[in-house]
Amino acid sequence: MSDPTTVACVRCGLDGPSLPKPPISGELGRAVFGQVCANCWQEWRTQSVLIVNHYGLQPADPDDRARIYEFMKEFLTLPV
């Protein structure tokens, strides 16, 4: 049986600490929760600030949020 406190991360390829809960809602949040370690998620959080600032994105805007999610899927190498 697998350890519920670790996850086989699709980004770094290691078994790392899992997130305590899905970090965002919906299918994408469940995919992150089940496939990305907490360390890579933290790296994404840092990178997302740079992306938002670089492109002038507004996370509250649905179109901008969709772009951020696309960047996130690419950064985390999520197949979703």
N, C-alpha and C. Protein backbone atom coordinates (compact mmCIF):
# COMPACT_ATOMS: atom_id res chain seq x y z
N MET A 1 0.85 -1.19 0.00
CA MET A 1 0.00 0.00 0.00
C MET A 1 0.89 1.24 0.00
N SER A 2 0.52 2.27 -0.78
CA SER A 2 1.33 3.47 -0.87
C SER A 2 1.12 4.37 0.35
N ASP A 3 2.14 5.15 0.62
CA ASP A 3 2.12 6.07 1.75
C ASP A 3 1.31 7.31 1.36
N PRO A 4 0.24 7.64 2.09
CA PRO A 4 -0.58 8.78 1.71
C PRO A 4 0.10 10.13 1.90
N THR A 5 1.26 10.14 2.56
CA THR A 5 1.95 11.41 2.77
C THR A 5 3.00 11.68 1.70
N THR A 6 3.12 10.75 0.73
CA THR A 6 4.05 10.96 -0.37
C THR A 6 3.31 10.76 -1.69
N VAL A 7 3.91 11.31 -2.74
CA VAL A 7 3.33 11.20 -4.07
C VAL A 7 4.48 10.99 -5.06
N ALA A 8 4.24 10.16 -6.07
CA ALA A 8 5.21 10.00 -7.15
C ALA A 8 5.02 11.18 -8.09
N CYS A 9 5.94 12.11 -8.04
CA CYS A 9 5.80 13.39 -8.74
C CYS A 9 6.11 13.25 -10.23
N VAL A 10 5.19 13.76 -11.07
CA VAL A 10 5.40 13.71 -12.52
C VAL A 10 6.43 14.73 -12.98
N ARG A 11 6.69 15.74 -12.17
CA ARG A 11 7.65 16.77 -12.58
C ARG A 11 9.08 16.37 -12.26
N CYS A 12 9.36 16.04 -11.01
CA CYS A 12 10.75 15.74 -10.62
C CYS A 12 11.07 14.26 -10.71
N GLY A 13 10.05 13.42 -10.80
CA GLY A 13 10.28 11.99 -10.92
C GLY A 13 10.62 11.29 -9.62
N LEU A 14 10.47 11.98 -8.51
CA LEU A 14 10.79 11.41 -7.20
C LEU A 14 9.53 11.20 -6.38
N ASP A 15 9.64 10.36 -5.36
CA ASP A 15 8.57 10.26 -4.38
C ASP A 15 8.81 11.39 -3.38
N GLY A 16 7.90 12.33 -3.34
CA GLY A 16 8.06 13.48 -2.47
C GLY A 16 6.85 13.69 -1.59
N PRO A 17 6.95 14.65 -0.68
CA PRO A 17 5.81 14.92 0.22
C PRO A 17 4.60 15.38 -0.58
N SER A 18 3.46 14.85 -0.21
CA SER A 18 2.23 15.24 -0.90
C SER A 18 1.70 16.55 -0.32
N LEU A 19 0.85 17.20 -1.09
CA LEU A 19 0.17 18.39 -0.61
C LEU A 19 -0.89 17.97 0.40
N PRO A 20 -1.23 18.82 1.36
CA PRO A 20 -2.24 18.43 2.35
C PRO A 20 -3.65 18.31 1.76
N LYS A 21 -3.89 19.04 0.65
CA LYS A 21 -5.20 19.00 -0.02
C LYS A 21 -5.01 19.54 -1.42
N PRO A 22 -5.98 19.34 -2.31
CA PRO A 22 -5.85 19.92 -3.65
C PRO A 22 -5.67 21.44 -3.55
N PRO A 23 -4.68 21.99 -4.26
CA PRO A 23 -4.38 23.41 -4.12
C PRO A 23 -5.35 24.35 -4.85
N ILE A 24 -6.08 23.81 -5.81
CA ILE A 24 -7.11 24.56 -6.53
C ILE A 24 -8.29 23.63 -6.73
N SER A 25 -9.41 24.18 -7.12
CA SER A 25 -10.62 23.36 -7.27
C SER A 25 -10.64 22.64 -8.60
N GLY A 26 -11.52 21.69 -8.70
CA GLY A 26 -11.77 21.00 -9.96
C GLY A 26 -10.80 19.89 -10.30
N GLU A 27 -10.94 19.43 -11.54
CA GLU A 27 -10.13 18.31 -12.03
C GLU A 27 -8.64 18.63 -12.00
N LEU A 28 -8.29 19.86 -12.36
CA LEU A 28 -6.89 20.25 -12.38
C LEU A 28 -6.31 20.22 -10.96
N GLY A 29 -7.04 20.67 -9.99
CA GLY A 29 -6.58 20.62 -8.60
C GLY A 29 -6.38 19.20 -8.13
N ARG A 30 -7.29 18.31 -8.52
CA ARG A 30 -7.15 16.90 -8.14
C ARG A 30 -5.93 16.28 -8.83
N ALA A 31 -5.67 16.69 -10.08
CA ALA A 31 -4.49 16.18 -10.79
C ALA A 31 -3.21 16.64 -10.11
N VAL A 32 -3.16 17.90 -9.73
CA VAL A 32 -1.97 18.42 -9.02
C VAL A 32 -1.79 17.66 -7.71
N PHE A 33 -2.86 17.52 -6.96
CA PHE A 33 -2.81 16.84 -5.67
C PHE A 33 -2.29 15.41 -5.79
N GLY A 34 -2.72 14.71 -6.82
CA GLY A 34 -2.35 13.30 -6.97
C GLY A 34 -1.06 13.04 -7.71
N GLN A 35 -0.48 14.08 -8.37
CA GLN A 35 0.67 13.83 -9.23
C GLN A 35 1.87 14.75 -9.00
N VAL A 36 1.74 15.74 -8.11
CA VAL A 36 2.82 16.71 -7.93
C VAL A 36 3.19 16.78 -6.44
N CYS A 37 4.49 16.74 -6.18
CA CYS A 37 4.95 16.82 -4.79
C CYS A 37 4.88 18.26 -4.28
N ALA A 38 4.89 18.41 -2.98
CA ALA A 38 4.81 19.74 -2.36
C ALA A 38 5.99 20.61 -2.76
N ASN A 39 7.17 20.01 -2.95
CA ASN A 39 8.35 20.79 -3.33
C ASN A 39 8.17 21.40 -4.71
N CYS A 40 7.71 20.62 -5.68
CA CYS A 40 7.50 21.14 -7.03
C CYS A 40 6.35 22.14 -7.05
N TRP A 41 5.34 21.91 -6.22
CA TRP A 41 4.24 22.88 -6.15
C TRP A 41 4.77 24.21 -5.64
N GLN A 42 5.66 24.20 -4.66
CA GLN A 42 6.22 25.44 -4.15
C GLN A 42 7.06 26.13 -5.22
N GLU A 43 7.79 25.35 -6.01
CA GLU A 43 8.55 25.93 -7.13
C GLU A 43 7.60 26.59 -8.12
N TRP A 44 6.46 25.95 -8.38
CA TRP A 44 5.47 26.55 -9.28
C TRP A 44 4.95 27.85 -8.70
N ARG A 45 4.66 27.88 -7.40
CA ARG A 45 4.13 29.10 -6.77
C ARG A 45 5.10 30.27 -6.98
N THR A 46 6.38 30.00 -6.82
CA THR A 46 7.39 31.04 -7.06
C THR A 46 7.40 31.45 -8.52
N GLN A 47 7.39 30.47 -9.42
CA GLN A 47 7.41 30.75 -10.86
C GLN A 47 6.14 31.48 -11.30
N SER A 48 5.01 31.14 -10.70
CA SER A 48 3.75 31.76 -11.12
C SER A 48 3.75 33.26 -10.87
N VAL A 49 4.39 33.70 -9.79
CA VAL A 49 4.49 35.14 -9.52
C VAL A 49 5.25 35.83 -10.65
N LEU A 50 6.33 35.21 -11.09
CA LEU A 50 7.12 35.78 -12.19
C LEU A 50 6.30 35.83 -13.48
N ILE A 51 5.54 34.77 -13.75
CA ILE A 51 4.72 34.72 -14.97
C ILE A 51 3.62 35.77 -14.93
N VAL A 52 2.93 35.87 -13.80
CA VAL A 52 1.86 36.85 -13.66
C VAL A 52 2.41 38.26 -13.87
N ASN A 53 3.54 38.55 -13.26
CA ASN A 53 4.13 39.88 -13.40
C ASN A 53 4.64 40.12 -14.82
N HIS A 54 5.29 39.14 -15.40
CA HIS A 54 5.87 39.30 -16.73
C HIS A 54 4.80 39.57 -17.79
N TYR A 55 3.73 38.81 -17.74
CA TYR A 55 2.68 38.95 -18.74
C TYR A 55 1.57 39.92 -18.32
N GLY A 56 1.65 40.46 -17.11
CA GLY A 56 0.62 41.38 -16.63
C GLY A 56 -0.73 40.71 -16.48
N LEU A 57 -0.73 39.47 -16.05
CA LEU A 57 -1.97 38.70 -15.93
C LEU A 57 -2.71 39.05 -14.64
N GLN A 58 -4.03 38.97 -14.71
CA GLN A 58 -4.90 39.19 -13.56
C GLN A 58 -5.57 37.87 -13.22
N PRO A 59 -5.13 37.20 -12.15
CA PRO A 59 -5.71 35.89 -11.82
C PRO A 59 -7.22 35.89 -11.64
N ALA A 60 -7.81 37.03 -11.31
CA ALA A 60 -9.27 37.09 -11.15
C ALA A 60 -10.00 37.06 -12.49
N ASP A 61 -9.30 37.39 -13.57
CA ASP A 61 -9.91 37.37 -14.91
C ASP A 61 -9.91 35.93 -15.43
N PRO A 62 -11.07 35.41 -15.83
CA PRO A 62 -11.14 34.01 -16.27
C PRO A 62 -10.19 33.67 -17.43
N ASP A 63 -10.04 34.57 -18.39
CA ASP A 63 -9.13 34.30 -19.51
C ASP A 63 -7.68 34.26 -19.05
N ASP A 64 -7.31 35.20 -18.19
CA ASP A 64 -5.94 35.20 -17.66
C ASP A 64 -5.69 33.98 -16.79
N ARG A 65 -6.69 33.61 -16.00
CA ARG A 65 -6.54 32.43 -15.15
C ARG A 65 -6.34 31.18 -16.00
N ALA A 66 -7.06 31.09 -17.11
CA ALA A 66 -6.89 29.95 -18.02
C ALA A 66 -5.46 29.93 -18.57
N ARG A 67 -4.90 31.08 -18.89
CA ARG A 67 -3.50 31.14 -19.36
C ARG A 67 -2.54 30.69 -18.26
N ILE A 68 -2.79 31.14 -17.03
CA ILE A 68 -1.94 30.74 -15.90
C ILE A 68 -2.00 29.23 -15.73
N TYR A 69 -3.19 28.65 -15.84
CA TYR A 69 -3.33 27.20 -15.71
C TYR A 69 -2.57 26.47 -16.82
N GLU A 70 -2.56 27.02 -18.02
CA GLU A 70 -1.78 26.40 -19.10
C GLU A 70 -0.29 26.44 -18.79
N PHE A 71 0.19 27.58 -18.31
CA PHE A 71 1.59 27.67 -17.89
C PHE A 71 1.88 26.67 -16.77
N MET A 72 0.94 26.52 -15.83
CA MET A 72 1.11 25.61 -14.71
C MET A 72 1.22 24.16 -15.20
N LYS A 73 0.32 23.77 -16.10
CA LYS A 73 0.35 22.40 -16.61
C LYS A 73 1.68 22.12 -17.31
N GLU A 74 2.17 23.10 -18.06
CA GLU A 74 3.45 22.92 -18.75
C GLU A 74 4.60 22.84 -17.75
N PHE A 75 4.62 23.74 -16.77
CA PHE A 75 5.70 23.76 -15.78
C PHE A 75 5.73 22.47 -14.97
N LEU A 76 4.57 21.99 -14.58
CA LEU A 76 4.48 20.79 -13.74
C LEU A 76 4.46 19.50 -14.57
N THR A 77 4.48 19.61 -15.87
CA THR A 77 4.41 18.48 -16.80
C THR A 77 3.18 17.60 -16.55
N LEU A 78 2.06 18.26 -16.31
CA LEU A 78 0.80 17.53 -16.08
C LEU A 78 0.19 17.14 -17.41
N PRO A 79 -0.26 15.91 -17.54
CA PRO A 79 -0.90 15.45 -18.78
C PRO A 79 -2.33 15.95 -18.95
N VAL A 80 -2.90 16.54 -17.91
CA VAL A 80 -4.31 17.00 -17.95
C VAL A 80 -4.46 18.12 -18.96
